[in-house]
Amino acid sequence: MLNREVLAAALAGTGDDQEGREAIERLQEQDLVKIDQSILSSLSHAWKKAGFVTTGVLLAAPDEYEDIPESFYALRIGILANESRIEVKGSLDMLKTCEIRLPSASRGD
């Protein structure tokens, strides 16, 4: 189910970018699944800078997602972390220094 509260939070983070807000408003549940899968498929069990991942996913996104701001991808990373689908080291507010990866199976890294 599409969570309108999450979308509202994403819209608040887009600043004055009308195109970004409209692009986020057009998203459907299947779009969120595709975006999340793009994020997950760009990860491994090795740590990667979150900013590198968001930029990579943004650049590789299909044309229908070209107006979605990077802040929305960062929000999706936060949601994936809250769902324990990825691990986070650092603060997601600092994408350049924060690192993310797929969960490790008791590797102790």
PDB file of N, CA and C in Angstrom:
ATOM      1  N   MET A   1       0.841  -1.167   0.000  1.00  0.00           N
ATOM      2  CA  MET A   1       0.000   0.000   0.000  1.00  0.00           C
ATOM      3  C   MET A   1       0.897   1.246   0.000  1.00  0.00           C
ATOM      4  N   LEU A   2       0.501   2.235  -0.779  1.00  0.00           N
ATOM      5  CA  LEU A   2       1.237   3.483  -0.885  1.00  0.00           C
ATOM      6  C   LEU A   2       0.993   4.320   0.369  1.00  0.00           C
ATOM      7  N   ASN A   3       2.061   4.684   1.063  1.00  0.00           N
ATOM      8  CA  ASN A   3       1.958   5.418   2.314  1.00  0.00           C
ATOM      9  C   ASN A   3       1.994   6.921   2.025  1.00  0.00           C
ATOM     10  N   ARG A   4       0.861   7.574   2.144  1.00  0.00           N
ATOM     11  CA  ARG A   4       0.762   9.007   1.846  1.00  0.00           C
ATOM     12  C   ARG A   4       1.562   9.853   2.833  1.00  0.00           C
ATOM     13  N   GLU A   5       1.749   9.375   4.065  1.00  0.00           N
ATOM     14  CA  GLU A   5       2.570  10.111   5.034  1.00  0.00           C
ATOM     15  C   GLU A   5       4.026  10.150   4.591  1.00  0.00           C
ATOM     16  N   VAL A   6       4.502   9.038   4.037  1.00  0.00           N
ATOM     17  CA  VAL A   6       5.876   8.992   3.537  1.00  0.00           C
ATOM     18  C   VAL A   6       6.020   9.945   2.356  1.00  0.00           C
ATOM     19  N   LEU A   7       5.036   9.939   1.469  1.00  0.00           N
ATOM     20  CA  LEU A   7       5.083  10.854   0.332  1.00  0.00           C
ATOM     21  C   LEU A   7       5.041  12.307   0.794  1.00  0.00           C
ATOM     22  N   ALA A   8       4.245  12.595   1.803  1.00  0.00           N
ATOM     23  CA  ALA A   8       4.183  13.965   2.319  1.00  0.00           C
ATOM     24  C   ALA A   8       5.543  14.390   2.877  1.00  0.00           C
ATOM     25  N   ALA A   9       6.222  13.477   3.563  1.00  0.00           N
ATOM     26  CA  ALA A   9       7.564  13.782   4.088  1.00  0.00           C
ATOM     27  C   ALA A   9       8.537  14.029   2.943  1.00  0.00           C
ATOM     28  N   ALA A  10       8.416  13.238   1.894  1.00  0.00           N
ATOM     29  CA  ALA A  10       9.290  13.422   0.730  1.00  0.00           C
ATOM     30  C   ALA A  10       9.013  14.749   0.045  1.00  0.00           C
ATOM     31  N   LEU A  11       7.756  15.121  -0.051  1.00  0.00           N
ATOM     32  CA  LEU A  11       7.393  16.391  -0.674  1.00  0.00           C
ATOM     33  C   LEU A  11       7.930  17.563   0.121  1.00  0.00           C
ATOM     34  N   ALA A  12       7.925  17.441   1.432  1.00  0.00           N
ATOM     35  CA  ALA A  12       8.448  18.520   2.279  1.00  0.00           C
ATOM     36  C   ALA A  12       9.941  18.704   2.053  1.00  0.00           C
ATOM     37  N   GLY A  13      10.632  17.638   1.674  1.00  0.00           N
ATOM     38  CA  GLY A  13      12.069  17.697   1.476  1.00  0.00           C
ATOM     39  C   GLY A  13      12.499  18.184   0.107  1.00  0.00           C
ATOM     40  N   THR A  14      11.546  18.480  -0.778  1.00  0.00           N
ATOM     41  CA  THR A  14      11.928  18.870  -2.132  1.00  0.00           C
ATOM     42  C   THR A  14      12.104  20.368  -2.280  1.00  0.00           C
ATOM     43  N   GLY A  15      11.890  21.129  -1.223  1.00  0.00           N
ATOM     44  CA  GLY A  15      12.060  22.580  -1.329  1.00  0.00           C
ATOM     45  C   GLY A  15      11.042  23.184  -2.276  1.00  0.00           C
ATOM     46  N   ASP A  16      11.495  24.085  -3.125  1.00  0.00           N
ATOM     47  CA  ASP A  16      10.593  24.773  -4.044  1.00  0.00           C
ATOM     48  C   ASP A  16      10.516  24.125  -5.420  1.00  0.00           C
ATOM     49  N   ASP A  17      11.062  22.935  -5.584  1.00  0.00           N
ATOM     50  CA  ASP A  17      11.101  22.268  -6.876  1.00  0.00           C
ATOM     51  C   ASP A  17       9.725  21.684  -7.208  1.00  0.00           C
ATOM     52  N   GLN A  18       8.952  22.424  -7.968  1.00  0.00           N
ATOM     53  CA  GLN A  18       7.591  22.007  -8.331  1.00  0.00           C
ATOM     54  C   GLN A  18       7.611  20.699  -9.132  1.00  0.00           C
ATOM     55  N   GLU A  19       8.550  20.557 -10.053  1.00  0.00           N
ATOM     56  CA  GLU A  19       8.636  19.340 -10.855  1.00  0.00           C
ATOM     57  C   GLU A  19       8.895  18.125  -9.973  1.00  0.00           C
ATOM     58  N   GLY A  20       9.760  18.285  -8.986  1.00  0.00           N
ATOM     59  CA  GLY A  20      10.046  17.190  -8.064  1.00  0.00           C
ATOM     60  C   GLY A  20       8.823  16.787  -7.272  1.00  0.00           C
ATOM     61  N   ARG A  21       8.100  17.767  -6.768  1.00  0.00           N
ATOM     62  CA  ARG A  21       6.870  17.463  -6.008  1.00  0.00           C
ATOM     63  C   ARG A  21       5.855  16.743  -6.883  1.00  0.00           C
ATOM     64  N   GLU A  22       5.673  17.222  -8.107  1.00  0.00           N
ATOM     65  CA  GLU A  22       4.704  16.597  -9.005  1.00  0.00           C
ATOM     66  C   GLU A  22       5.130  15.173  -9.369  1.00  0.00           C
ATOM     67  N   ALA A  23       6.418  14.958  -9.587  1.00  0.00           N
ATOM     68  CA  ALA A  23       6.911  13.619  -9.905  1.00  0.00           C
ATOM     69  C   ALA A  23       6.657  12.655  -8.746  1.00  0.00           C
ATOM     70  N   ILE A  24       6.889  13.108  -7.525  1.00  0.00           N
ATOM     71  CA  ILE A  24       6.641  12.264  -6.351  1.00  0.00           C
ATOM     72  C   ILE A  24       5.151  11.980  -6.204  1.00  0.00           C
ATOM     73  N   GLU A  25       4.312  12.983  -6.442  1.00  0.00           N
ATOM     74  CA  GLU A  25       2.862  12.797  -6.334  1.00  0.00           C
ATOM     75  C   GLU A  25       2.335  11.771  -7.334  1.00  0.00           C
ATOM     76  N   ARG A  26       3.002  11.626  -8.465  1.00  0.00           N
ATOM     77  CA  ARG A  26       2.565  10.669  -9.499  1.00  0.00           C
ATOM     78  C   ARG A  26       2.946   9.229  -9.176  1.00  0.00           C
ATOM     79  N   LEU A  27       3.830   9.024  -8.223  1.00  0.00           N
ATOM     80  CA  LEU A  27       4.302   7.675  -7.924  1.00  0.00           C
ATOM     81  C   LEU A  27       3.183   6.777  -7.410  1.00  0.00           C
ATOM     82  N   GLN A  28       3.220   5.551  -7.878  1.00  0.00           N
ATOM     83  CA  GLN A  28       2.297   4.514  -7.425  1.00  0.00           C
ATOM     84  C   GLN A  28       3.106   3.467  -6.656  1.00  0.00           C
ATOM     85  N   GLU A  29       2.421   2.536  -6.047  1.00  0.00           N
ATOM     86  CA  GLU A  29       3.084   1.499  -5.253  1.00  0.00           C
ATOM     87  C   GLU A  29       4.125   0.738  -6.076  1.00  0.00           C
ATOM     88  N   GLN A  30       3.795   0.387  -7.317  1.00  0.00           N
ATOM     89  CA  GLN A  30       4.747  -0.361  -8.141  1.00  0.00           C
ATOM     90  C   GLN A  30       6.001   0.465  -8.441  1.00  0.00           C
ATOM     91  N   ASP A  31       5.877   1.791  -8.468  1.00  0.00           N
ATOM     92  CA  ASP A  31       7.041   2.649  -8.667  1.00  0.00           C
ATOM     93  C   ASP A  31       7.974   2.575  -7.461  1.00  0.00           C
ATOM     94  N   LEU A  32       7.393   2.569  -6.273  1.00  0.00           N
ATOM     95  CA  LEU A  32       8.208   2.475  -5.057  1.00  0.00           C
ATOM     96  C   LEU A  32       8.943   1.146  -5.002  1.00  0.00           C
ATOM     97  N   VAL A  33       8.287   0.090  -5.438  1.00  0.00           N
ATOM     98  CA  VAL A  33       8.929  -1.230  -5.476  1.00  0.00           C
ATOM     99  C   VAL A  33      10.113  -1.192  -6.441  1.00  0.00           C
ATOM    100  N   LYS A  34       9.937  -0.581  -7.608  1.00  0.00           N
ATOM    101  CA  LYS A  34      11.022  -0.481  -8.589  1.00  0.00           C
ATOM    102  C   LYS A  34      12.185   0.352  -8.042  1.00  0.00           C
ATOM    103  N   ILE A  35      11.866   1.458  -7.402  1.00  0.00           N
ATOM    104  CA  ILE A  35      12.904   2.327  -6.842  1.00  0.00           C
ATOM    105  C   ILE A  35      13.664   1.595  -5.743  1.00  0.00           C
ATOM    106  N   ASP A  36      12.936   0.947  -4.842  1.00  0.00           N
ATOM    107  CA  ASP A  36      13.585   0.191  -3.769  1.00  0.00           C
ATOM    108  C   ASP A  36      14.456  -0.920  -4.340  1.00  0.00           C
ATOM    109  N   GLN A  37      13.970  -1.606  -5.373  1.00  0.00           N
ATOM    110  CA  GLN A  37      14.755  -2.682  -5.980  1.00  0.00           C
ATOM    111  C   GLN A  37      16.009  -2.131  -6.636  1.00  0.00           C
ATOM    112  N   SER A  38      15.918  -0.950  -7.225  1.00  0.00           N
ATOM    113  CA  SER A  38      17.108  -0.322  -7.815  1.00  0.00           C
ATOM    114  C   SER A  38      18.155  -0.025  -6.750  1.00  0.00           C
ATOM    115  N   ILE A  39      17.698   0.463  -5.612  1.00  0.00           N
ATOM    116  CA  ILE A  39      18.624   0.740  -4.503  1.00  0.00           C
ATOM    117  C   ILE A  39      19.253  -0.555  -4.016  1.00  0.00           C
ATOM    118  N   LEU A  40      18.431  -1.556  -3.758  1.00  0.00           N
ATOM    119  CA  LEU A  40      18.932  -2.826  -3.235  1.00  0.00           C
ATOM    120  C   LEU A  40      19.887  -3.512  -4.213  1.00  0.00           C
ATOM    121  N   SER A  41      19.571  -3.443  -5.504  1.00  0.00           N
ATOM    122  CA  SER A  41      20.420  -4.118  -6.484  1.00  0.00           C
ATOM    123  C   SER A  41      21.766  -3.425  -6.666  1.00  0.00           C
ATOM    124  N   SER A  42      21.872  -2.188  -6.209  1.00  0.00           N
ATOM    125  CA  SER A  42      23.151  -1.481  -6.312  1.00  0.00           C
ATOM    126  C   SER A  42      24.048  -1.747  -5.097  1.00  0.00           C
ATOM    127  N   LEU A  43      23.541  -2.526  -4.147  1.00  0.00           N
ATOM    128  CA  LEU A  43      24.286  -2.811  -2.919  1.00  0.00           C
ATOM    129  C   LEU A  43      24.809  -4.239  -2.895  1.00  0.00           C
ATOM    130  N   SER A  44      25.779  -4.460  -2.036  1.00  0.00           N
ATOM    131  CA  SER A  44      26.312  -5.786  -1.745  1.00  0.00           C
ATOM    132  C   SER A  44      26.502  -5.842  -0.228  1.00  0.00           C
ATOM    133  N   HIS A  45      27.311  -6.763   0.239  1.00  0.00           N
ATOM    134  CA  HIS A  45      27.576  -6.837   1.678  1.00  0.00           C
ATOM    135  C   HIS A  45      28.742  -5.942   2.088  1.00  0.00           C
ATOM    136  N   ALA A  46      29.320  -5.253   1.109  1.00  0.00           N
ATOM    137  CA  ALA A  46      30.389  -4.290   1.395  1.00  0.00           C
ATOM    138  C   ALA A  46      29.763  -2.907   1.600  1.00  0.00           C
ATOM    139  N   TRP A  47      30.333  -2.113   2.482  1.00  0.00           N
ATOM    140  CA  TRP A  47      29.827  -0.772   2.747  1.00  0.00           C
ATOM    141  C   TRP A  47      30.046   0.136   1.536  1.00  0.00           C
ATOM    142  N   LYS A  48      29.032   0.942   1.214  1.00  0.00           N
ATOM    143  CA  LYS A  48      29.111   1.951   0.149  1.00  0.00           C
ATOM    144  C   LYS A  48      28.586   3.266   0.696  1.00  0.00           C
ATOM    145  N   LYS A  49      29.132   4.363   0.212  1.00  0.00           N
ATOM    146  CA  LYS A  49      28.640   5.684   0.597  1.00  0.00           C
ATOM    147  C   LYS A  49      27.203   5.846   0.094  1.00  0.00           C
ATOM    148  N   ALA A  50      26.316   6.268   0.977  1.00  0.00           N
ATOM    149  CA  ALA A  50      24.907   6.427   0.616  1.00  0.00           C
ATOM    150  C   ALA A  50      24.744   7.447  -0.508  1.00  0.00           C
ATOM    151  N   GLY A  51      25.534   8.509  -0.487  1.00  0.00           N
ATOM    152  CA  GLY A  51      25.442   9.520  -1.541  1.00  0.00           C
ATOM    153  C   GLY A  51      25.812   8.963  -2.903  1.00  0.00           C
ATOM    154  N   PHE A  52      26.790   8.068  -2.927  1.00  0.00           N
ATOM    155  CA  PHE A  52      27.182   7.414  -4.166  1.00  0.00           C
ATOM    156  C   PHE A  52      26.035   6.560  -4.692  1.00  0.00           C
ATOM    157  N   VAL A  53      25.354   5.849  -3.807  1.00  0.00           N
ATOM    158  CA  VAL A  53      24.239   4.983  -4.191  1.00  0.00           C
ATOM    159  C   VAL A  53      23.076   5.824  -4.707  1.00  0.00           C
ATOM    160  N   THR A  54      22.696   6.876  -3.973  1.00  0.00           N
ATOM    161  CA  THR A  54      21.559   7.695  -4.426  1.00  0.00           C
ATOM    162  C   THR A  54      21.848   8.334  -5.774  1.00  0.00           C
ATOM    163  N   THR A  55      23.064   8.830  -5.970  1.00  0.00           N
ATOM    164  CA  THR A  55      23.420   9.447  -7.247  1.00  0.00           C
ATOM    165  C   THR A  55      23.401   8.414  -8.371  1.00  0.00           C
ATOM    166  N   GLY A  56      23.927   7.235  -8.107  1.00  0.00           N
ATOM    167  CA  GLY A  56      23.926   6.178  -9.116  1.00  0.00           C
ATOM    168  C   GLY A  56      22.531   5.752  -9.511  1.00  0.00           C
ATOM    169  N   VAL A  57      21.657   5.584  -8.537  1.00  0.00           N
ATOM    170  CA  VAL A  57      20.276   5.191  -8.820  1.00  0.00           C
ATOM    171  C   VAL A  57      19.565   6.313  -9.572  1.00  0.00           C
ATOM    172  N   LEU A  58      19.807   7.542  -9.166  1.00  0.00           N
ATOM    173  CA  LEU A  58      19.204   8.700  -9.840  1.00  0.00           C
ATOM    174  C   LEU A  58      19.627   8.752 -11.308  1.00  0.00           C
ATOM    175  N   LEU A  59      20.910   8.582 -11.574  1.00  0.00           N
ATOM    176  CA  LEU A  59      21.412   8.653 -12.948  1.00  0.00           C
ATOM    177  C   LEU A  59      20.938   7.485 -13.811  1.00  0.00           C
ATOM    178  N   ALA A  60      20.744   6.321 -13.203  1.00  0.00           N
ATOM    179  CA  ALA A  60      20.312   5.138 -13.940  1.00  0.00           C
ATOM    180  C   ALA A  60      18.797   5.025 -14.056  1.00  0.00           C
ATOM    181  N   ALA A  61      18.070   5.915 -13.409  1.00  0.00           N
ATOM    182  CA  ALA A  61      16.609   5.829 -13.382  1.00  0.00           C
ATOM    183  C   ALA A  61      16.018   5.999 -14.775  1.00  0.00           C
ATOM    184  N   PRO A  62      14.936   5.292 -15.054  1.00  0.00           N
ATOM    185  CA  PRO A  62      14.274   5.478 -16.346  1.00  0.00           C
ATOM    186  C   PRO A  62      13.690   6.889 -16.472  1.00  0.00           C
ATOM    187  N   ASP A  63      13.372   7.272 -17.684  1.00  0.00           N
ATOM    188  CA  ASP A  63      12.890   8.624 -17.962  1.00  0.00           C
ATOM    189  C   ASP A  63      11.695   9.042 -17.109  1.00  0.00           C
ATOM    190  N   GLU A  64      10.806   8.112 -16.788  1.00  0.00           N
ATOM    191  CA  GLU A  64       9.619   8.492 -16.017  1.00  0.00           C
ATOM    192  C   GLU A  64       9.959   8.939 -14.602  1.00  0.00           C
ATOM    193  N   TYR A  65      11.178   8.663 -14.147  1.00  0.00           N
ATOM    194  CA  TYR A  65      11.601   9.081 -12.816  1.00  0.00           C
ATOM    195  C   TYR A  65      12.610  10.225 -12.842  1.00  0.00           C
ATOM    196  N   GLU A  66      12.846  10.824 -13.998  1.00  0.00           N
ATOM    197  CA  GLU A  66      13.918  11.814 -14.121  1.00  0.00           C
ATOM    198  C   GLU A  66      13.717  13.070 -13.275  1.00  0.00           C
ATOM    199  N   ASP A  67      12.493  13.403 -12.909  1.00  0.00           N
ATOM    200  CA  ASP A  67      12.242  14.598 -12.104  1.00  0.00           C
ATOM    201  C   ASP A  67      12.220  14.330 -10.605  1.00  0.00           C
ATOM    202  N   ILE A  68      12.366  13.075 -10.206  1.00  0.00           N
ATOM    203  CA  ILE A  68      12.361  12.742  -8.783  1.00  0.00           C
ATOM    204  C   ILE A  68      13.688  13.201  -8.177  1.00  0.00           C
ATOM    205  N   PRO A  69      13.636  14.003  -7.123  1.00  0.00           N
ATOM    206  CA  PRO A  69      14.877  14.539  -6.529  1.00  0.00           C
ATOM    207  C   PRO A  69      15.654  13.477  -5.750  1.00  0.00           C
ATOM    208  N   GLU A  70      16.949  13.716  -5.614  1.00  0.00           N
ATOM    209  CA  GLU A  70      17.821  12.795  -4.883  1.00  0.00           C
ATOM    210  C   GLU A  70      17.353  12.614  -3.439  1.00  0.00           C
ATOM    211  N   SER A  71      16.759  13.649  -2.874  1.00  0.00           N
ATOM    212  CA  SER A  71      16.282  13.549  -1.491  1.00  0.00           C
ATOM    213  C   SER A  71      15.241  12.445  -1.324  1.00  0.00           C
ATOM    214  N   PHE A  72      14.477  12.164  -2.377  1.00  0.00           N
ATOM    215  CA  PHE A  72      13.479  11.103  -2.301  1.00  0.00           C
ATOM    216  C   PHE A  72      14.157   9.740  -2.219  1.00  0.00           C
ATOM    217  N   TYR A  73      15.237   9.548  -2.995  1.00  0.00           N
ATOM    218  CA  TYR A  73      15.983   8.294  -2.931  1.00  0.00           C
ATOM    219  C   TYR A  73      16.600   8.112  -1.541  1.00  0.00           C
ATOM    220  N   ALA A  74      17.070   9.187  -0.964  1.00  0.00           N
ATOM    221  CA  ALA A  74      17.616   9.128   0.397  1.00  0.00           C
ATOM    222  C   ALA A  74      16.520   8.733   1.390  1.00  0.00           C
ATOM    223  N   LEU A  75      15.327   9.255   1.189  1.00  0.00           N
ATOM    224  CA  LEU A  75      14.198   8.885   2.045  1.00  0.00           C
ATOM    225  C   LEU A  75      13.894   7.398   1.916  1.00  0.00           C
ATOM    226  N   ARG A  76      13.940   6.883   0.705  1.00  0.00           N
ATOM    227  CA  ARG A  76      13.682   5.461   0.496  1.00  0.00           C
ATOM    228  C   ARG A  76      14.759   4.610   1.178  1.00  0.00           C
ATOM    229  N   ILE A  77      16.001   5.068   1.173  1.00  0.00           N
ATOM    230  CA  ILE A  77      17.071   4.357   1.878  1.00  0.00           C
ATOM    231  C   ILE A  77      16.753   4.301   3.367  1.00  0.00           C
ATOM    232  N   GLY A  78      16.266   5.401   3.922  1.00  0.00           N
ATOM    233  CA  GLY A  78      15.864   5.416   5.328  1.00  0.00           C
ATOM    234  C   GLY A  78      14.753   4.423   5.614  1.00  0.00           C
ATOM    235  N   ILE A  79      13.809   4.318   4.708  1.00  0.00           N
ATOM    236  CA  ILE A  79      12.703   3.372   4.888  1.00  0.00           C
ATOM    237  C   ILE A  79      13.226   1.936   4.820  1.00  0.00           C
ATOM    238  N   LEU A  80      14.101   1.667   3.854  1.00  0.00           N
ATOM    239  CA  LEU A  80      14.691   0.324   3.761  1.00  0.00           C
ATOM    240  C   LEU A  80      15.472  -0.021   5.020  1.00  0.00           C
ATOM    241  N   ALA A  81      16.156   0.950   5.597  1.00  0.00           N
ATOM    242  CA  ALA A  81      16.892   0.721   6.844  1.00  0.00           C
ATOM    243  C   ALA A  81      15.926   0.442   7.990  1.00  0.00           C
ATOM    244  N   ASN A  82      14.842   1.197   8.058  1.00  0.00           N
ATOM    245  CA  ASN A  82      13.847   0.976   9.119  1.00  0.00           C
ATOM    246  C   ASN A  82      13.202  -0.400   9.000  1.00  0.00           C
ATOM    247  N   GLU A  83      13.111  -0.910   7.780  1.00  0.00           N
ATOM    248  CA  GLU A  83      12.542  -2.237   7.542  1.00  0.00           C
ATOM    249  C   GLU A  83      13.599  -3.339   7.690  1.00  0.00           C
ATOM    250  N   SER A  84      14.827  -2.972   8.067  1.00  0.00           N
ATOM    251  CA  SER A  84      15.958  -3.902   8.220  1.00  0.00           C
ATOM    252  C   SER A  84      16.318  -4.607   6.913  1.00  0.00           C
ATOM    253  N   ARG A  85      16.043  -3.958   5.794  1.00  0.00           N
ATOM    254  CA  ARG A  85      16.412  -4.522   4.496  1.00  0.00           C
ATOM    255  C   ARG A  85      17.822  -4.090   4.096  1.00  0.00           C
ATOM    256  N   ILE A  86      18.340  -3.040   4.767  1.00  0.00           N
ATOM    257  CA  ILE A  86      19.727  -2.620   4.592  1.00  0.00           C
ATOM    258  C   ILE A  86      20.270  -2.210   5.954  1.00  0.00           C
ATOM    259  N   GLU A  87      21.595  -2.151   6.052  1.00  0.00           N
ATOM    260  CA  GLU A  87      22.247  -1.670   7.267  1.00  0.00           C
ATOM    261  C   GLU A  87      22.835  -0.295   6.992  1.00  0.00           C
ATOM    262  N   VAL A  88      22.845   0.546   8.016  1.00  0.00           N
ATOM    263  CA  VAL A  88      23.347   1.915   7.892  1.00  0.00           C
ATOM    264  C   VAL A  88      24.432   2.138   8.931  1.00  0.00           C
ATOM    265  N   LYS A  89      25.508   2.779   8.505  1.00  0.00           N
ATOM    266  CA  LYS A  89      26.581   3.175   9.416  1.00  0.00           C
ATOM    267  C   LYS A  89      26.733   4.687   9.265  1.00  0.00           C
ATOM    268  N   GLY A  90      26.339   5.431  10.284  1.00  0.00           N
ATOM    269  CA  GLY A  90      26.366   6.887  10.230  1.00  0.00           C
ATOM    270  C   GLY A  90      24.966   7.455  10.104  1.00  0.00           C
ATOM    271  N   SER A  91      24.897   8.744   9.855  1.00  0.00           N
ATOM    272  CA  SER A  91      23.616   9.439   9.767  1.00  0.00           C
ATOM    273  C   SER A  91      23.201   9.628   8.315  1.00  0.00           C
ATOM    274  N   LEU A  92      21.970   9.242   7.994  1.00  0.00           N
ATOM    275  CA  LEU A  92      21.459   9.441   6.644  1.00  0.00           C
ATOM    276  C   LEU A  92      21.292  10.915   6.295  1.00  0.00           C
ATOM    277  N   ASP A  93      21.388  11.786   7.291  1.00  0.00           N
ATOM    278  CA  ASP A  93      21.362  13.225   7.021  1.00  0.00           C
ATOM    279  C   ASP A  93      22.665  13.676   6.365  1.00  0.00           C
ATOM    280  N   MET A  94      23.678  12.845   6.443  1.00  0.00           N
ATOM    281  CA  MET A  94      25.000  13.150   5.871  1.00  0.00           C
ATOM    282  C   MET A  94      25.329  12.098   4.816  1.00  0.00           C
ATOM    283  N   LEU A  95      24.698  12.197   3.649  1.00  0.00           N
ATOM    284  CA  LEU A  95      24.849  11.174   2.618  1.00  0.00           C
ATOM    285  C   LEU A  95      26.295  10.964   2.183  1.00  0.00           C
ATOM    286  N   LYS A  96      27.105  12.003   2.242  1.00  0.00           N
ATOM    287  CA  LYS A  96      28.490  11.877   1.780  1.00  0.00           C
ATOM    288  C   LYS A  96      29.341  11.014   2.700  1.00  0.00           C
ATOM    289  N   THR A  97      28.977  10.939   3.968  1.00  0.00           N
ATOM    290  CA  THR A  97      29.772  10.149   4.912  1.00  0.00           C
ATOM    291  C   THR A  97      29.059   8.887   5.398  1.00  0.00           C
ATOM    292  N   CYS A  98      27.749   8.858   5.290  1.00  0.00           N
ATOM    293  CA  CYS A  98      26.970   7.693   5.713  1.00  0.00           C
ATOM    294  C   CYS A  98      27.236   6.528   4.765  1.00  0.00           C
ATOM    295  N   GLU A  99      27.288   5.325   5.319  1.00  0.00           N
ATOM    296  CA  GLU A  99      27.513   4.141   4.501  1.00  0.00           C
ATOM    297  C   GLU A  99      26.358   3.158   4.686  1.00  0.00           C
ATOM    298  N   ILE A 100      26.064   2.428   3.609  1.00  0.00           N
ATOM    299  CA  ILE A 100      24.972   1.454   3.629  1.00  0.00           C
ATOM    300  C   ILE A 100      25.433   0.170   2.947  1.00  0.00           C
ATOM    301  N   ARG A 101      24.743  -0.924   3.268  1.00  0.00           N
ATOM    302  CA  ARG A 101      25.006  -2.212   2.641  1.00  0.00           C
ATOM    303  C   ARG A 101      23.808  -3.128   2.883  1.00  0.00           C
ATOM    304  N   LEU A 102      23.825  -4.270   2.192  1.00  0.00           N
ATOM    305  CA  LEU A 102      22.831  -5.304   2.463  1.00  0.00           C
ATOM    306  C   LEU A 102      23.148  -5.893   3.831  1.00  0.00           C
ATOM    307  N   PRO A 103      22.144  -6.390   4.528  1.00  0.00           N
ATOM    308  CA  PRO A 103      22.397  -6.961   5.862  1.00  0.00           C
ATOM    309  C   PRO A 103      23.370  -8.134   5.778  1.00  0.00           C
ATOM    310  N   SER A 104      24.243  -8.189   6.746  1.00  0.00           N
ATOM    311  CA  SER A 104      25.191  -9.313   6.805  1.00  0.00           C
ATOM    312  C   SER A 104      24.602 -10.384   7.699  1.00  0.00           C
ATOM    313  N   ALA A 105      24.860 -11.607   7.334  1.00  0.00           N
ATOM    314  CA  ALA A 105      24.375 -12.732   8.129  1.00  0.00           C
ATOM    315  C   ALA A 105      25.419 -13.061   9.190  1.00  0.00           C
ATOM    316  N   SER A 106      25.346 -12.357  10.299  1.00  0.00           N
ATOM    317  CA  SER A 106      26.229 -12.535  11.461  1.00  0.00           C
ATOM    318  C   SER A 106      27.708 -12.562  11.070  1.00  0.00           C
ATOM    319  N   ARG A 107      28.101 -11.607  10.210  1.00  0.00           N
ATOM    320  CA  ARG A 107      29.508 -11.526   9.787  1.00  0.00           C
ATOM    321  C   ARG A 107      30.363 -10.728  10.752  1.00  0.00           C
ATOM    322  N   GLY A 108      29.733  -9.840  11.532  1.00  0.00           N
ATOM    323  CA  GLY A 108      30.467  -9.076  12.518  1.00  0.00           C
ATOM    324  C   GLY A 108      31.388  -8.017  11.952  1.00  0.00           C
ATOM    325  N   ASP A 109      31.106  -7.525  10.737  1.00  0.00           N
ATOM    326  CA  ASP A 109      31.944  -6.490  10.109  1.00  0.00           C
ATOM    327  C   ASP A 109      31.797  -5.160  10.798  1.00  0.00           C
TER     328      ASP A 109
END
